[in-house]
Amino acid sequence: MANNKLRRQNGILAGVCGGLGAFYGIPAFWFRLLFLILLVPGGLPGLAPYVVLWLVIPRKRRNE
């Protein structure tokens, strides 16, 4: 059964992309690529939303 709650998981750095991928049902690779592309023009367009999501999205509980 799919758990459609937004939780940080499958993390390389903080689990933001893994959580977004699980929530939307697409591979986390695409979110990682999106944030990487947003980092190219100077860092802030990709870094700021990532940090905000890192602070807002709750961690995945160990028993979930």
N, C-alpha and C. Protein backbone atom coordinates (compact mmCIF):
# COMPACT_ATOMS: atom_id res chain seq x y z
N MET A 1 0.85 -1.18 0.00
CA MET A 1 0.00 0.00 0.00
C MET A 1 0.89 1.24 0.00
N ALA A 2 0.62 2.17 -0.86
CA ALA A 2 1.43 3.38 -1.00
C ALA A 2 1.12 4.37 0.11
N ASN A 3 2.18 4.92 0.67
CA ASN A 3 2.04 5.95 1.68
C ASN A 3 2.27 7.28 0.99
N ASN A 4 1.21 8.08 0.84
CA ASN A 4 1.34 9.32 0.08
C ASN A 4 1.64 10.54 0.94
N LYS A 5 2.12 10.34 2.17
CA LYS A 5 2.54 11.46 2.99
C LYS A 5 3.90 11.94 2.53
N LEU A 6 4.10 13.23 2.59
CA LEU A 6 5.37 13.81 2.20
C LEU A 6 6.34 13.68 3.36
N ARG A 7 7.36 12.87 3.19
CA ARG A 7 8.39 12.64 4.21
C ARG A 7 9.74 12.62 3.53
N ARG A 8 10.76 13.11 4.23
CA ARG A 8 12.12 13.02 3.71
C ARG A 8 12.58 11.57 3.80
N GLN A 9 13.12 11.05 2.70
CA GLN A 9 13.57 9.66 2.68
C GLN A 9 14.50 9.43 1.52
N ASN A 10 15.16 8.27 1.51
CA ASN A 10 16.09 7.90 0.44
C ASN A 10 17.07 9.02 0.15
N GLY A 11 17.63 9.58 1.20
CA GLY A 11 18.41 10.78 1.03
C GLY A 11 19.85 10.60 0.66
N ILE A 12 20.30 11.43 -0.25
CA ILE A 12 21.72 11.55 -0.52
C ILE A 12 22.27 12.67 0.37
N LEU A 13 21.57 13.78 0.40
CA LEU A 13 22.00 14.89 1.26
C LEU A 13 21.05 15.04 2.44
N ALA A 14 19.80 15.29 2.19
CA ALA A 14 18.84 15.46 3.29
C ALA A 14 17.55 14.68 3.07
N GLY A 15 17.41 14.03 1.94
CA GLY A 15 16.22 13.25 1.67
C GLY A 15 15.07 14.02 1.05
N VAL A 16 15.29 15.27 0.71
CA VAL A 16 14.23 16.10 0.14
C VAL A 16 13.77 15.53 -1.20
N CYS A 17 14.70 15.26 -2.09
CA CYS A 17 14.34 14.77 -3.42
C CYS A 17 13.72 13.37 -3.35
N GLY A 18 14.23 12.53 -2.46
CA GLY A 18 13.64 11.20 -2.29
C GLY A 18 12.22 11.28 -1.78
N GLY A 19 11.97 12.18 -0.85
CA GLY A 19 10.62 12.37 -0.34
C GLY A 19 9.67 12.93 -1.37
N LEU A 20 10.13 13.90 -2.15
CA LEU A 20 9.29 14.46 -3.21
C LEU A 20 9.00 13.41 -4.27
N GLY A 21 10.00 12.61 -4.60
CA GLY A 21 9.81 11.56 -5.59
C GLY A 21 8.80 10.52 -5.13
N ALA A 22 8.89 10.13 -3.87
CA ALA A 22 7.93 9.15 -3.33
C ALA A 22 6.53 9.74 -3.27
N PHE A 23 6.42 11.00 -2.91
CA PHE A 23 5.12 11.66 -2.80
C PHE A 23 4.42 11.77 -4.15
N TYR A 24 5.19 12.17 -5.17
CA TYR A 24 4.60 12.36 -6.50
C TYR A 24 4.65 11.11 -7.36
N GLY A 25 5.32 10.06 -6.90
CA GLY A 25 5.35 8.80 -7.63
C GLY A 25 6.26 8.80 -8.84
N ILE A 26 7.28 9.64 -8.81
CA ILE A 26 8.26 9.66 -9.90
C ILE A 26 9.65 9.47 -9.28
N PRO A 27 10.63 9.04 -10.07
CA PRO A 27 11.97 8.82 -9.52
C PRO A 27 12.58 10.11 -8.95
N ALA A 28 13.29 9.96 -7.84
CA ALA A 28 13.93 11.11 -7.20
C ALA A 28 14.99 11.74 -8.10
N PHE A 29 15.49 10.98 -9.07
CA PHE A 29 16.47 11.49 -10.02
C PHE A 29 16.00 12.79 -10.67
N TRP A 30 14.74 12.87 -11.03
CA TRP A 30 14.23 14.06 -11.73
C TRP A 30 14.23 15.29 -10.82
N PHE A 31 13.95 15.09 -9.54
CA PHE A 31 14.01 16.22 -8.60
C PHE A 31 15.46 16.63 -8.36
N ARG A 32 16.35 15.64 -8.29
CA ARG A 32 17.77 15.95 -8.12
C ARG A 32 18.29 16.73 -9.32
N LEU A 33 17.89 16.31 -10.51
CA LEU A 33 18.29 17.01 -11.73
C LEU A 33 17.74 18.44 -11.75
N LEU A 34 16.49 18.61 -11.34
CA LEU A 34 15.89 19.94 -11.30
C LEU A 34 16.65 20.87 -10.35
N PHE A 35 16.97 20.38 -9.15
CA PHE A 35 17.70 21.23 -8.20
C PHE A 35 19.12 21.51 -8.71
N LEU A 36 19.74 20.55 -9.39
CA LEU A 36 21.06 20.77 -9.95
C LEU A 36 21.01 21.84 -11.05
N ILE A 37 20.01 21.77 -11.91
CA ILE A 37 19.85 22.78 -12.97
C ILE A 37 19.61 24.15 -12.35
N LEU A 38 18.83 24.22 -11.28
CA LEU A 38 18.56 25.50 -10.62
C LEU A 38 19.79 26.05 -9.90
N LEU A 39 20.77 25.19 -9.58
CA LEU A 39 22.00 25.66 -8.94
C LEU A 39 22.94 26.34 -9.93
N VAL A 40 22.83 26.02 -11.21
CA VAL A 40 23.77 26.52 -12.22
C VAL A 40 23.80 28.05 -12.32
N PRO A 41 22.66 28.75 -12.33
CA PRO A 41 22.73 30.20 -12.54
C PRO A 41 23.30 31.01 -11.37
N GLY A 42 23.80 30.38 -10.35
CA GLY A 42 24.40 31.14 -9.26
C GLY A 42 24.15 30.52 -7.91
N GLY A 43 23.45 29.43 -7.86
CA GLY A 43 23.26 28.71 -6.61
C GLY A 43 21.98 29.02 -5.86
N LEU A 44 21.65 30.28 -5.71
CA LEU A 44 20.50 30.65 -4.88
C LEU A 44 19.16 30.12 -5.40
N PRO A 45 18.89 30.13 -6.71
CA PRO A 45 17.60 29.61 -7.17
C PRO A 45 17.37 28.13 -6.85
N GLY A 46 18.43 27.36 -6.68
CA GLY A 46 18.27 25.96 -6.34
C GLY A 46 18.48 25.69 -4.87
N LEU A 47 19.36 26.43 -4.25
CA LEU A 47 19.70 26.20 -2.85
C LEU A 47 18.61 26.67 -1.90
N ALA A 48 18.04 27.83 -2.15
CA ALA A 48 17.03 28.38 -1.24
C ALA A 48 15.79 27.48 -1.12
N PRO A 49 15.18 27.04 -2.24
CA PRO A 49 14.01 26.17 -2.09
C PRO A 49 14.37 24.82 -1.44
N TYR A 50 15.58 24.31 -1.73
CA TYR A 50 16.00 23.03 -1.15
C TYR A 50 16.10 23.15 0.37
N VAL A 51 16.71 24.23 0.85
CA VAL A 51 16.86 24.42 2.29
C VAL A 51 15.50 24.62 2.95
N VAL A 52 14.62 25.37 2.31
CA VAL A 52 13.27 25.57 2.87
C VAL A 52 12.54 24.23 2.96
N LEU A 53 12.60 23.43 1.90
CA LEU A 53 11.95 22.12 1.94
C LEU A 53 12.59 21.21 2.97
N TRP A 54 13.90 21.30 3.15
CA TRP A 54 14.60 20.51 4.15
C TRP A 54 14.07 20.84 5.54
N LEU A 55 13.78 22.10 5.79
CA LEU A 55 13.28 22.51 7.10
C LEU A 55 11.79 22.20 7.30
N VAL A 56 11.02 22.22 6.21
CA VAL A 56 9.57 22.08 6.30
C VAL A 56 9.11 20.63 6.25
N ILE A 57 9.71 19.82 5.40
CA ILE A 57 9.28 18.43 5.23
C ILE A 57 9.75 17.61 6.42
N PRO A 58 8.86 16.91 7.10
CA PRO A 58 9.28 16.11 8.26
C PRO A 58 10.10 14.89 7.83
N ARG A 59 10.91 14.39 8.77
CA ARG A 59 11.70 13.18 8.52
C ARG A 59 10.79 11.97 8.48
N LYS A 60 11.25 10.95 7.78
CA LYS A 60 10.53 9.68 7.78
C LYS A 60 10.80 8.99 9.10
N ARG A 61 9.75 8.55 9.75
CA ARG A 61 9.92 7.83 11.01
C ARG A 61 10.49 6.46 10.73
N ARG A 62 11.25 5.93 11.66
CA ARG A 62 11.89 4.62 11.46
C ARG A 62 10.89 3.49 11.33
N ASN A 63 9.75 3.58 11.97
CA ASN A 63 8.79 2.47 11.94
C ASN A 63 7.76 2.60 10.80
N GLU A 64 7.92 3.58 9.91
CA GLU A 64 6.99 3.74 8.79
C GLU A 64 7.45 2.95 7.61
